[in-house]
Amino acid sequence: MRTWLDERDLLLVDVVSALRPEHFISGKVPSKSTVAVRLAGVGLNPDFIEAIADVCSKDEAERKHRMKQVHALRQKATQDGPDRGAGTAEVGLAAELVVVQKRSLDVSDKLLRALERVQELERERNDANHMVLLLLAMVDKLQRDI
């Protein structure tokens, strides 16, 4: 049976596989461990934030809205000064990250429920097939008896 850690690892693999080289200035997608650390809020940089916003947005309008929020937080952090602004920007980015992580967990929960439903339907289909075979055998026996 899958554990929560397995599900989290699958989500991380999904995020890493969705990232593209064109998302990054270096032209290179970070490793899985680097992405995990950055998703935890350590070593965030603008191209990573934009890449995650692009990957996690439903459409272009949502991505633009998220990027406006990020730019507004950066602008505010710059105006507040280096000491106060850095904390505010980190809190804002952390809040954004929490929203993205919550959405990822919600999607993984839905996926897990869908997989369980598929397994249940597969069992029901197998049971129905078994019943059909039994009924066909009974009909065959009745025809031979007649």
Protein backbone atom coordinates (compact mmCIF):
# COMPACT_ATOMS: atom_id res chain seq x y z
CA MET A 1 0.00 0.00 0.00
CA ARG A 2 1.24 3.47 -0.80
CA THR A 3 2.25 5.74 2.04
CA TRP A 4 1.94 9.49 2.30
CA LEU A 5 5.67 9.78 1.58
CA ASP A 6 5.26 7.79 -1.63
CA GLU A 7 2.45 10.13 -2.71
CA ARG A 8 4.58 13.19 -1.88
CA ASP A 9 7.46 11.75 -3.89
CA LEU A 10 5.14 11.13 -6.85
CA LEU A 11 3.97 14.75 -6.67
CA LEU A 12 7.56 15.93 -6.62
CA VAL A 13 8.33 13.78 -9.66
CA ASP A 14 5.28 15.29 -11.41
CA VAL A 15 6.48 18.84 -10.66
CA VAL A 16 10.03 18.09 -11.81
CA SER A 17 8.77 16.44 -15.01
CA ALA A 18 6.57 19.47 -15.76
CA LEU A 19 9.50 21.90 -15.50
CA ARG A 20 11.21 22.73 -18.79
CA PRO A 21 14.70 24.11 -19.54
CA GLU A 22 13.12 27.26 -21.00
CA HIS A 23 11.73 28.04 -17.53
CA PHE A 24 15.24 28.72 -16.24
CA ILE A 25 17.90 31.29 -17.06
CA SER A 26 20.57 28.58 -16.97
CA GLY A 27 18.55 26.49 -19.45
CA LYS A 28 18.81 23.52 -17.09
CA VAL A 29 16.04 21.99 -14.96
CA PRO A 30 17.12 21.63 -11.31
CA SER A 31 17.45 18.15 -9.85
CA LYS A 32 14.66 16.55 -7.88
CA SER A 33 16.42 17.21 -4.57
CA THR A 34 17.01 20.87 -5.47
CA VAL A 35 13.36 21.31 -6.42
CA ALA A 36 12.31 19.72 -3.10
CA VAL A 37 14.55 22.11 -1.16
CA ARG A 38 13.29 25.13 -3.10
CA LEU A 39 9.67 24.06 -2.61
CA ALA A 40 10.45 24.03 1.10
CA GLY A 41 11.30 27.74 0.73
CA VAL A 42 15.09 27.57 0.75
CA GLY A 43 17.06 29.25 -2.04
CA LEU A 44 14.10 30.58 -3.98
CA ASN A 45 14.97 32.65 -7.02
CA PRO A 46 12.78 34.49 -9.54
CA ASP A 47 13.06 31.98 -12.39
CA PHE A 48 12.12 29.09 -10.09
CA ILE A 49 9.12 31.00 -8.75
CA GLU A 50 7.97 31.83 -12.29
CA ALA A 51 8.47 28.21 -13.39
CA ILE A 52 6.35 26.90 -10.50
CA ALA A 53 3.68 29.54 -11.17
CA ASP A 54 3.63 28.46 -14.83
CA VAL A 55 3.43 24.75 -14.01
CA CYS A 56 0.77 25.12 -11.28
CA SER A 57 -1.51 27.58 -13.07
CA LYS A 58 -4.65 26.37 -14.76
CA ASP A 59 -4.40 28.90 -17.56
CA GLU A 60 -2.54 31.98 -18.75
CA ALA A 61 -4.79 34.40 -16.83
CA GLU A 62 -4.17 32.64 -13.52
CA ARG A 63 -0.43 32.52 -14.21
CA LYS A 64 -0.38 36.27 -14.93
CA HIS A 65 -2.37 36.94 -11.74
CA ARG A 66 0.09 34.89 -9.66
CA MET A 67 3.06 36.62 -11.23
CA LYS A 68 1.51 40.04 -10.50
CA GLN A 69 1.24 38.99 -6.86
CA VAL A 70 4.88 37.89 -6.82
CA HIS A 71 6.04 41.11 -8.47
CA ALA A 72 3.97 43.19 -6.03
CA LEU A 73 5.55 41.37 -3.10
CA ARG A 74 9.03 41.91 -4.57
CA GLN A 75 8.27 45.59 -5.13
CA LYS A 76 7.04 45.97 -1.57
CA ALA A 77 10.10 44.16 -0.25
CA THR A 78 12.35 46.52 -2.19
CA GLN A 79 10.53 49.59 -0.86
CA ASP A 80 10.53 48.35 2.75
CA GLY A 81 14.29 48.05 2.79
CA PRO A 82 16.58 45.07 3.00
CA ASP A 83 15.84 44.05 6.60
CA ARG A 84 12.06 44.24 6.77
CA GLY A 85 11.47 43.63 3.06
CA ALA A 86 13.33 40.35 2.90
CA GLY A 87 11.15 38.89 5.64
CA THR A 88 7.97 40.17 4.04
CA ALA A 89 8.91 38.78 0.64
CA GLU A 90 9.82 35.43 2.16
CA VAL A 91 6.52 35.31 4.04
CA GLY A 92 4.61 36.18 0.87
CA LEU A 93 6.46 33.60 -1.16
CA ALA A 94 6.01 31.04 1.61
CA ALA A 95 2.28 31.75 1.62
CA GLU A 96 2.16 31.29 -2.15
CA LEU A 97 4.10 28.05 -1.80
CA VAL A 98 1.67 26.81 0.84
CA VAL A 99 -1.23 27.48 -1.54
CA VAL A 100 0.51 25.56 -4.32
CA GLN A 101 1.37 22.69 -1.97
CA LYS A 102 -2.23 22.55 -0.72
CA ARG A 103 -3.49 22.42 -4.29
CA SER A 104 -1.01 19.63 -5.06
CA LEU A 105 -2.19 17.66 -2.02
CA ASP A 106 -5.82 18.17 -3.02
CA VAL A 107 -5.10 16.92 -6.53
CA SER A 108 -3.19 13.91 -5.17
CA ASP A 109 -6.11 13.08 -2.85
CA LYS A 110 -8.53 13.24 -5.77
CA LEU A 111 -6.20 11.06 -7.84
CA LEU A 112 -5.92 8.50 -5.04
CA ARG A 113 -9.73 8.36 -4.68
CA ALA A 114 -10.07 7.96 -8.46
CA LEU A 115 -7.55 5.11 -8.46
CA GLU A 116 -9.44 3.40 -5.63
CA ARG A 117 -12.68 3.79 -7.58
CA VAL A 118 -11.04 2.30 -10.69
CA GLN A 119 -9.93 -0.71 -8.65
CA GLU A 120 -13.43 -1.10 -7.23
CA LEU A 121 -14.98 -0.93 -10.70
CA GLU A 122 -12.43 -3.47 -11.97
CA ARG A 123 -13.42 -5.88 -9.18
CA GLU A 124 -17.10 -5.41 -10.02
CA ARG A 125 -16.39 -6.05 -13.71
CA ASN A 126 -14.51 -9.24 -12.88
CA ASP A 127 -17.37 -10.38 -10.65
CA ALA A 128 -19.85 -9.70 -13.47
CA ASN A 129 -17.69 -11.63 -15.95
CA HIS A 130 -17.53 -14.55 -13.54
CA MET A 131 -21.34 -14.49 -13.17
CA VAL A 132 -21.77 -14.48 -16.97
CA LEU A 133 -19.51 -17.53 -17.27
CA LEU A 134 -21.52 -19.36 -14.61
CA LEU A 135 -24.79 -18.50 -16.34
CA LEU A 136 -23.45 -19.64 -19.71
CA ALA A 137 -22.36 -22.93 -18.16
CA MET A 138 -25.83 -23.40 -16.66
CA VAL A 139 -27.51 -22.64 -20.01
CA ASP A 140 -25.20 -25.12 -21.74
CA LYS A 141 -26.04 -27.79 -19.16
CA LEU A 142 -29.77 -27.11 -19.58
CA GLN A 143 -29.47 -27.40 -23.38
CA ARG A 144 -27.69 -30.73 -23.03
CA ASP A 145 -30.35 -31.97 -20.62
CA ILE A 146 -33.15 -30.97 -23.02
